[in-house]
Amino acid sequence: MQIYKKKIAIFQLKVSIIRVGGFLLIFLLTSCYKKQDTILSVVVKNESGQVVEGALVELKAEPTSLGNIVAINMENTTDDLGVAYFNFNEYYKSGQTGVVILKIKVKQFGLYGEGVVTVEQEVVTETIVVVK
């Protein structure tokens, strides 16, 4: 009878070690993941294809349903390379599919342009807007 109890105890110990090892393996694999930045890069060009410096880029996302109350209103000015950058890390949560569809409006000294872009998760999404 004692041999039987020892075998059961050894079996239970092996099962416990496997469970703890599995837990540690899963913990280590999931804790190594680092969320990447979710960035939108808007390049502004004029009709001749030259970049436009100092243009005001406005982004707007309206709620798509009553349950979705996320409204985004952001603006930035293009740099000397004609690019305006927007960071969406606060809007994107790990495991989420997609981030947002945005309306883009660009203004600069009587020139105007607009577009629509879908921001993808954990990448730099780049779009070009031409002002006329």
C-alpha atoms as a PDB file:
ATOM      1  CA  MET A   1       0.000   0.000   0.000  1.00  0.00           C
ATOM      2  CA  GLN A   2       2.870   2.379   0.770  1.00  0.00           C
ATOM      3  CA  ILE A   3       4.400   1.767  -2.667  1.00  0.00           C
ATOM      4  CA  TYR A   4       1.079   2.697  -4.252  1.00  0.00           C
ATOM      5  CA  LYS A   5       0.903   5.949  -2.205  1.00  0.00           C
ATOM      6  CA  LYS A   6       4.505   6.797  -3.196  1.00  0.00           C
ATOM      7  CA  LYS A   7       3.712   6.269  -6.886  1.00  0.00           C
ATOM      8  CA  ILE A   8       0.669   8.549  -6.602  1.00  0.00           C
ATOM      9  CA  ALA A   9       2.730  11.201  -4.816  1.00  0.00           C
ATOM     10  CA  ILE A  10       5.474  11.023  -7.474  1.00  0.00           C
ATOM     11  CA  PHE A  11       2.874  11.228 -10.247  1.00  0.00           C
ATOM     12  CA  GLN A  12       1.231  14.288  -8.630  1.00  0.00           C
ATOM     13  CA  LEU A  13       4.630  15.927  -8.239  1.00  0.00           C
ATOM     14  CA  LYS A  14       5.402  15.370 -11.946  1.00  0.00           C
ATOM     15  CA  VAL A  15       2.021  16.835 -12.936  1.00  0.00           C
ATOM     16  CA  SER A  16       2.646  19.881 -10.722  1.00  0.00           C
ATOM     17  CA  ILE A  17       6.105  20.427 -12.216  1.00  0.00           C
ATOM     18  CA  ILE A  18       4.676  20.211 -15.753  1.00  0.00           C
ATOM     19  CA  ARG A  19       1.924  22.703 -14.870  1.00  0.00           C
ATOM     20  CA  VAL A  20       4.371  25.176 -13.308  1.00  0.00           C
ATOM     21  CA  GLY A  21       6.740  24.769 -16.282  1.00  0.00           C
ATOM     22  CA  GLY A  22       3.900  25.359 -18.735  1.00  0.00           C
ATOM     23  CA  PHE A  23       2.775  28.429 -16.838  1.00  0.00           C
ATOM     24  CA  LEU A  24       6.309  29.839 -16.805  1.00  0.00           C
ATOM     25  CA  LEU A  25       6.738  29.148 -20.526  1.00  0.00           C
ATOM     26  CA  ILE A  26       3.480  30.920 -21.393  1.00  0.00           C
ATOM     27  CA  PHE A  27       4.356  33.813 -19.084  1.00  0.00           C
ATOM     28  CA  LEU A  28       7.801  34.251 -20.635  1.00  0.00           C
ATOM     29  CA  LEU A  29       6.512  34.066 -24.199  1.00  0.00           C
ATOM     30  CA  THR A  30       3.762  36.633 -23.641  1.00  0.00           C
ATOM     31  CA  SER A  31       5.823  39.001 -21.519  1.00  0.00           C
ATOM     32  CA  CYS A  32       8.468  39.329 -24.258  1.00  0.00           C
ATOM     33  CA  TYR A  33       5.989  41.044 -26.598  1.00  0.00           C
ATOM     34  CA  LYS A  34       6.509  44.802 -26.857  1.00  0.00           C
ATOM     35  CA  LYS A  35       3.801  46.856 -28.490  1.00  0.00           C
ATOM     36  CA  GLN A  36       5.121  48.782 -31.500  1.00  0.00           C
ATOM     37  CA  ASP A  37       4.175  52.400 -32.219  1.00  0.00           C
ATOM     38  CA  THR A  38       1.072  53.130 -34.296  1.00  0.00           C
ATOM     39  CA  ILE A  39       1.989  56.168 -36.397  1.00  0.00           C
ATOM     40  CA  LEU A  40       0.344  58.057 -39.258  1.00  0.00           C
ATOM     41  CA  SER A  41       2.632  59.977 -41.605  1.00  0.00           C
ATOM     42  CA  VAL A  42       0.874  62.488 -43.885  1.00  0.00           C
ATOM     43  CA  VAL A  43       2.991  63.778 -46.782  1.00  0.00           C
ATOM     44  CA  VAL A  44       1.668  66.979 -48.329  1.00  0.00           C
ATOM     45  CA  LYS A  45       2.564  67.827 -51.936  1.00  0.00           C
ATOM     46  CA  ASN A  46       1.437  70.454 -54.403  1.00  0.00           C
ATOM     47  CA  GLU A  47       0.184  69.739 -57.930  1.00  0.00           C
ATOM     48  CA  SER A  48       3.725  69.730 -59.333  1.00  0.00           C
ATOM     49  CA  GLY A  49       4.781  67.051 -56.825  1.00  0.00           C
ATOM     50  CA  GLN A  50       6.881  69.271 -54.548  1.00  0.00           C
ATOM     51  CA  VAL A  51       6.505  68.862 -50.795  1.00  0.00           C
ATOM     52  CA  VAL A  52       4.692  71.621 -48.940  1.00  0.00           C
ATOM     53  CA  GLU A  53       6.268  72.915 -45.737  1.00  0.00           C
ATOM     54  CA  GLY A  54       4.160  74.539 -43.002  1.00  0.00           C
ATOM     55  CA  ALA A  55       0.783  73.169 -44.123  1.00  0.00           C
ATOM     56  CA  LEU A  56      -1.851  72.579 -41.429  1.00  0.00           C
ATOM     57  CA  VAL A  57      -2.986  68.939 -41.396  1.00  0.00           C
ATOM     58  CA  GLU A  58      -6.249  68.211 -39.574  1.00  0.00           C
ATOM     59  CA  LEU A  59      -7.473  64.697 -38.768  1.00  0.00           C
ATOM     60  CA  LYS A  60     -11.004  63.861 -37.790  1.00  0.00           C
ATOM     61  CA  ALA A  61     -12.670  60.561 -36.941  1.00  0.00           C
ATOM     62  CA  GLU A  62     -16.308  60.492 -36.070  1.00  0.00           C
ATOM     63  CA  PRO A  63     -17.979  57.725 -34.090  1.00  0.00           C
ATOM     64  CA  THR A  64     -19.256  54.966 -36.389  1.00  0.00           C
ATOM     65  CA  SER A  65     -22.045  53.893 -34.021  1.00  0.00           C
ATOM     66  CA  LEU A  66     -23.685  54.929 -30.771  1.00  0.00           C
ATOM     67  CA  GLY A  67     -21.637  52.341 -28.879  1.00  0.00           C
ATOM     68  CA  ASN A  68     -18.371  53.687 -30.315  1.00  0.00           C
ATOM     69  CA  ILE A  69     -17.746  57.034 -28.637  1.00  0.00           C
ATOM     70  CA  VAL A  70     -14.145  57.513 -29.835  1.00  0.00           C
ATOM     71  CA  ALA A  71     -13.908  60.865 -31.537  1.00  0.00           C
ATOM     72  CA  ILE A  72     -10.510  62.013 -32.751  1.00  0.00           C
ATOM     73  CA  ASN A  73      -9.620  65.582 -33.615  1.00  0.00           C
ATOM     74  CA  MET A  74      -5.899  66.126 -34.134  1.00  0.00           C
ATOM     75  CA  GLU A  75      -3.798  68.643 -36.016  1.00  0.00           C
ATOM     76  CA  ASN A  76      -0.152  69.154 -36.808  1.00  0.00           C
ATOM     77  CA  THR A  77       1.976  71.202 -39.184  1.00  0.00           C
ATOM     78  CA  THR A  78       4.185  69.693 -41.879  1.00  0.00           C
ATOM     79  CA  ASP A  79       7.938  69.877 -41.369  1.00  0.00           C
ATOM     80  CA  ASP A  80      10.568  70.970 -43.916  1.00  0.00           C
ATOM     81  CA  LEU A  81      10.128  67.603 -45.699  1.00  0.00           C
ATOM     82  CA  GLY A  82       6.371  68.162 -46.038  1.00  0.00           C
ATOM     83  CA  VAL A  83       5.472  65.500 -43.469  1.00  0.00           C
ATOM     84  CA  ALA A  84       3.148  65.686 -40.450  1.00  0.00           C
ATOM     85  CA  TYR A  85       3.356  62.827 -37.940  1.00  0.00           C
ATOM     86  CA  PHE A  86       0.590  61.600 -35.649  1.00  0.00           C
ATOM     87  CA  ASN A  87       0.972  59.018 -32.864  1.00  0.00           C
ATOM     88  CA  PHE A  88      -2.033  56.774 -32.107  1.00  0.00           C
ATOM     89  CA  ASN A  89      -0.583  54.707 -29.252  1.00  0.00           C
ATOM     90  CA  GLU A  90      -3.190  56.010 -26.816  1.00  0.00           C
ATOM     91  CA  TYR A  91      -6.015  54.875 -29.122  1.00  0.00           C
ATOM     92  CA  TYR A  92      -4.635  51.428 -29.996  1.00  0.00           C
ATOM     93  CA  LYS A  93      -4.813  48.568 -27.500  1.00  0.00           C
ATOM     94  CA  SER A  94      -2.829  45.332 -27.988  1.00  0.00           C
ATOM     95  CA  GLY A  95      -4.854  42.655 -29.731  1.00  0.00           C
ATOM     96  CA  GLN A  96      -7.137  45.163 -31.405  1.00  0.00           C
ATOM     97  CA  THR A  97      -7.667  44.802 -35.158  1.00  0.00           C
ATOM     98  CA  GLY A  98      -7.322  48.074 -37.030  1.00  0.00           C
ATOM     99  CA  VAL A  99      -7.321  51.423 -35.340  1.00  0.00           C
ATOM    100  CA  VAL A 100      -9.310  54.122 -37.086  1.00  0.00           C
ATOM    101  CA  ILE A 101     -10.501  55.552 -40.406  1.00  0.00           C
ATOM    102  CA  LEU A 102      -9.731  59.254 -40.628  1.00  0.00           C
ATOM    103  CA  LYS A 103     -10.742  62.206 -42.755  1.00  0.00           C
ATOM    104  CA  ILE A 104      -7.746  64.395 -43.612  1.00  0.00           C
ATOM    105  CA  LYS A 105      -7.964  68.102 -44.431  1.00  0.00           C
ATOM    106  CA  VAL A 106      -4.895  70.102 -45.394  1.00  0.00           C
ATOM    107  CA  LYS A 107      -4.725  73.902 -45.640  1.00  0.00           C
ATOM    108  CA  GLN A 108      -1.923  76.258 -46.525  1.00  0.00           C
ATOM    109  CA  PHE A 109      -2.186  79.839 -47.839  1.00  0.00           C
ATOM    110  CA  GLY A 110      -5.245  79.325 -50.046  1.00  0.00           C
ATOM    111  CA  LEU A 111      -4.301  75.778 -51.023  1.00  0.00           C
ATOM    112  CA  TYR A 112      -6.551  72.935 -49.907  1.00  0.00           C
ATOM    113  CA  GLY A 113      -6.534  69.149 -50.075  1.00  0.00           C
ATOM    114  CA  GLU A 114      -8.316  66.273 -48.450  1.00  0.00           C
ATOM    115  CA  GLY A 115      -8.279  62.503 -48.198  1.00  0.00           C
ATOM    116  CA  VAL A 116      -9.244  59.451 -46.200  1.00  0.00           C
ATOM    117  CA  VAL A 117      -6.859  56.984 -44.567  1.00  0.00           C
ATOM    118  CA  THR A 118      -7.128  53.810 -42.512  1.00  0.00           C
ATOM    119  CA  VAL A 119      -4.539  53.701 -39.750  1.00  0.00           C
ATOM    120  CA  GLU A 120      -3.136  50.197 -39.251  1.00  0.00           C
ATOM    121  CA  GLN A 121      -2.028  48.884 -35.877  1.00  0.00           C
ATOM    122  CA  GLU A 122       1.638  48.908 -34.835  1.00  0.00           C
ATOM    123  CA  VAL A 123       3.047  50.210 -38.137  1.00  0.00           C
ATOM    124  CA  VAL A 124       3.802  53.543 -39.755  1.00  0.00           C
ATOM    125  CA  THR A 125       0.909  54.188 -42.135  1.00  0.00           C
ATOM    126  CA  GLU A 126       1.864  56.711 -44.821  1.00  0.00           C
ATOM    127  CA  THR A 127      -0.472  58.653 -47.040  1.00  0.00           C
ATOM    128  CA  ILE A 128      -0.029  61.518 -49.518  1.00  0.00           C
ATOM    129  CA  VAL A 129      -2.392  64.464 -49.821  1.00  0.00           C
ATOM    130  CA  VAL A 130      -2.143  66.843 -52.797  1.00  0.00           C
ATOM    131  CA  VAL A 131      -3.119  70.465 -52.231  1.00  0.00           C
ATOM    132  CA  LYS A 132      -4.510  72.634 -55.050  1.00  0.00           C
END
